[in-house]
Amino acid sequence: SFPVISIIYTQSGISLICFFIKSKSQSDALCHKLILAAALKELMQQKPFEKITIQDITQKCGIRCQNFYYHFADVYALLQYMFEEEAICLLKKHEGIQLWQV
């Protein structure tokens, strides 16, 4: 495996993400998912989730609708992916630190 650093440009700033992947195709898929998630996150700051369409998301990030459907069944699947990635990122940041207190 080799490291890949993805830079996601959003209106709220730049996110730098590093992953260890096994192939270029895995890298491309991961980048598309992250870009779609970043677009959804931005759109959620502008309007309610229920009003966000797949077309809104794909127009925001310049990815074709077919690519969206290759990775996700619907907007709810993308939302779930976004929350899972955020949780994993937070856990990795605090690895080794006891997060739960009695």
Protein backbone atom coordinates (compact mmCIF):
# COMPACT_ATOMS: atom_id res chain seq x y z
CA SER A 1 0.00 0.00 0.00
CA PHE A 2 1.08 3.59 -0.49
CA PRO A 3 -0.05 6.94 0.94
CA VAL A 4 -2.26 9.28 -1.04
CA ILE A 5 -2.88 12.82 0.07
CA SER A 6 -6.13 14.37 -1.09
CA ILE A 7 -6.72 18.09 -0.93
CA ILE A 8 -10.39 19.02 -0.80
CA TYR A 9 -11.17 22.65 -1.60
CA THR A 10 -14.40 23.98 -0.12
CA GLN A 11 -15.82 27.42 0.50
CA SER A 12 -15.20 26.97 4.22
CA GLY A 13 -11.53 26.11 3.74
CA ILE A 14 -9.15 23.40 2.62
CA SER A 15 -9.10 19.90 4.04
CA LEU A 16 -5.99 17.78 3.72
CA ILE A 17 -6.63 14.07 4.03
CA CYS A 18 -4.08 11.27 3.93
CA PHE A 19 -5.03 7.65 3.27
CA PHE A 20 -3.17 4.43 2.67
CA ILE A 21 -4.55 2.67 -0.37
CA LYS A 22 -3.71 -0.32 -2.51
CA SER A 23 -4.35 0.93 -6.05
CA LYS A 24 -5.02 3.99 -8.21
CA SER A 25 -8.62 2.93 -8.83
CA GLN A 26 -9.17 2.78 -5.08
CA SER A 27 -7.65 6.28 -4.86
CA ASP A 28 -10.02 7.68 -7.51
CA ALA A 29 -13.07 6.14 -5.82
CA LEU A 30 -12.02 7.51 -2.45
CA CYS A 31 -11.47 10.98 -3.89
CA HIS A 32 -14.91 11.00 -5.52
CA LYS A 33 -16.56 9.94 -2.26
CA LEU A 34 -14.74 12.60 -0.27
CA ILE A 35 -15.51 15.32 -2.78
CA LEU A 36 -19.21 14.35 -2.79
CA ALA A 37 -19.24 14.35 1.02
CA ALA A 38 -17.59 17.79 1.13
CA ALA A 39 -20.18 19.15 -1.32
CA LEU A 40 -23.03 17.74 0.79
CA LYS A 41 -21.53 19.26 3.93
CA GLU A 42 -21.35 22.68 2.29
CA LEU A 43 -24.90 22.45 0.96
CA MET A 44 -26.18 21.49 4.42
CA GLN A 45 -24.84 24.83 5.68
CA GLN A 46 -26.94 26.63 3.05
CA LYS A 47 -30.25 24.77 3.13
CA PRO A 48 -32.09 21.96 4.94
CA PHE A 49 -30.99 18.41 4.16
CA GLU A 50 -34.46 17.47 2.91
CA LYS A 51 -34.18 20.07 0.14
CA ILE A 52 -30.79 18.89 -1.16
CA THR A 53 -30.90 16.85 -4.35
CA ILE A 54 -28.31 14.67 -6.02
CA GLN A 55 -28.20 17.22 -8.83
CA ASP A 56 -27.36 19.95 -6.27
CA ILE A 57 -24.48 17.87 -4.93
CA THR A 58 -23.04 16.90 -8.31
CA GLN A 59 -23.29 20.44 -9.67
CA LYS A 60 -21.55 21.78 -6.56
CA CYS A 61 -18.51 19.55 -7.01
CA GLY A 62 -18.46 18.98 -10.77
CA ILE A 63 -18.92 15.22 -10.62
CA ARG A 64 -21.39 13.51 -12.96
CA CYS A 65 -24.61 12.02 -11.55
CA GLN A 66 -23.55 8.60 -12.86
CA ASN A 67 -20.47 8.75 -10.63
CA PHE A 68 -22.66 9.63 -7.66
CA TYR A 69 -24.82 6.56 -8.26
CA TYR A 70 -21.73 4.39 -8.73
CA HIS A 71 -20.80 5.09 -5.09
CA PHE A 72 -24.12 5.81 -3.37
CA ALA A 73 -27.73 4.72 -3.75
CA ASP A 74 -29.14 8.06 -2.61
CA VAL A 75 -28.41 11.20 -0.58
CA TYR A 76 -29.04 9.30 2.67
CA ALA A 77 -26.27 6.80 1.82
CA LEU A 78 -23.89 9.71 1.22
CA LEU A 79 -24.94 11.27 4.54
CA GLN A 80 -24.24 7.99 6.32
CA TYR A 81 -20.83 7.76 4.64
CA MET A 82 -20.05 11.34 5.64
CA PHE A 83 -20.91 10.69 9.31
CA GLU A 84 -18.90 7.45 9.35
CA GLU A 85 -15.83 9.18 7.89
CA GLU A 86 -16.13 12.06 10.35
CA ALA A 87 -16.37 9.60 13.27
CA ILE A 88 -13.37 7.60 12.06
CA CYS A 89 -11.36 10.80 11.62
CA LEU A 90 -12.20 11.95 15.16
CA LEU A 91 -11.31 8.57 16.63
CA LYS A 92 -7.97 8.51 14.77
CA LYS A 93 -7.16 12.03 16.01
CA HIS A 94 -7.70 10.91 19.59
CA GLU A 95 -6.15 7.46 19.26
CA GLY A 96 -4.60 6.44 22.53
CA ILE A 97 -6.65 8.96 24.52
CA GLN A 98 -9.40 7.67 26.75
CA LEU A 99 -12.54 9.23 25.25
CA TRP A 100 -15.11 7.91 27.68
CA GLN A 101 -15.14 9.10 31.27
CA VAL A 102 -17.13 7.49 34.07
